[in-house]
Amino acid sequence: MSVIAIANQKGGCGKTTTAVNLASAVAVNSKRVLLIDLDPQSHATLGLNIESQNSIYNVLSTYTSEKLTLKDIIVNVEANFDVAPANILLGTLEQELSDEIGRELKLFEAIKEIESDYDYILIDCPPNLGILTVNAIRAAQEVIIPVEPSRFSLIGVDRLLEIIDLISTRLNHPVKYRLLITMFDSRLRHSFQILNAIKEKYSANLFKTIIHTNVKLKEASLSGQSAVTYAKYSRGSKDYFYLASEIMYRKEASLDNIMRQMVKEKVKQLGEITFSLQNPNAQEVYIVGDFNNWKASEENKLSRNNGGSWVKRLTLRPGTYHYKFVVDGEWQEDPSNPNKEENNFGGYNSLIEI
């Protein structure tokens, strides 16, 4: 089971949008998902049209008149997708827990009771670095930090990283983190300038997937649904499907590396294939497909030649493969390959046979 906190003390960065739609996208992939709304503003709860008298407050508070467990408050919203809702009472927990010993372990202990019920637990944190956020980070193995491409986008990121480092050292709980570019408008040159600045500073801890600006994401929230349910084939939904894929395949990276090494040692007859893409305006291009678990890593990055073409030569065993290019965070088909096949996300994958 993986526990992932989604945090940023700066508001308006797409934190709750990411929590809701990532959870839904992972659930569509037949994974059991729990989203814990830890924000007193309850945006995830409200955005999924959940009405419940009980909330995560009743689980974490020692002053509540009705002490409950996570199982008692969980609400199912979609297939494989449950939510532990929040309410305004969560705002009082900061003061309630201020003098309590072990206050930073409250959520961790609550999750231990239901960890076998889920493949992924996502936590939507409040937009601050108080005790609730500390609880979320202590309970998590990884933190996703949504960052929109604006002038003030990195405000608070360094402070959040200090908290993560503090938890890793003082509580002996190492936590990984990655930044996620959200609300990206590819029509604006400014967006690319900020993106390049973020890449320069955090390249080793940055998702390849980029979440683009899309009106369907807002419409879905107003309708009380995830975008994956409300508009499955929209740009916003597809971005979160790609993010879900990146997270799920990364989880199995260690096992995948072992298996690939075993295959490499055993397979003797291999074929070579050159993938190419003409796009002189692109900043970076990756090739992802069945042959690399759809993982956009440095070893799958294309090289750019003087003519503006991007090229990558791979050695593959004979067979049929589905693949796509990831161009500046956007997944697209191979325009030079007419062979395509519809995928589960409502789009198409390019198809090649070796």
Foldseek 3Di string as FASTA:
>chain_A
DFEEEEAALDPPLCLLLLQALLLVLLVVVVFQEEEEELAQVFLNCLLQVHDDPDACCLDQAPPDPHRDAQVVQWDDRDRSYIYRTHHNCSVCVLVRCVPPPPSLQSVLVRCVVCVVVGPYYYYRHYSDDTSSVSNSLLNGQEYEYRFELDPCRCVRVVVVVVSQVCCCPVVVRHHYYAYAYEQQDPVDPSSVVSVVVCCVVGVVRYDLAHQYDDVLSVVSSVVSHRSCVVPLQGSRSVSSNLVSQQVVVVVCVVVVVVVVVVCVVPDDDKDKDKDKDADQPFPWKFKAWPVRSRYGDPLRTFDADPRRMTMDMDIGHFDKMWIWMQTSNRTDERPVAPAWDADPSRRITGMDGD
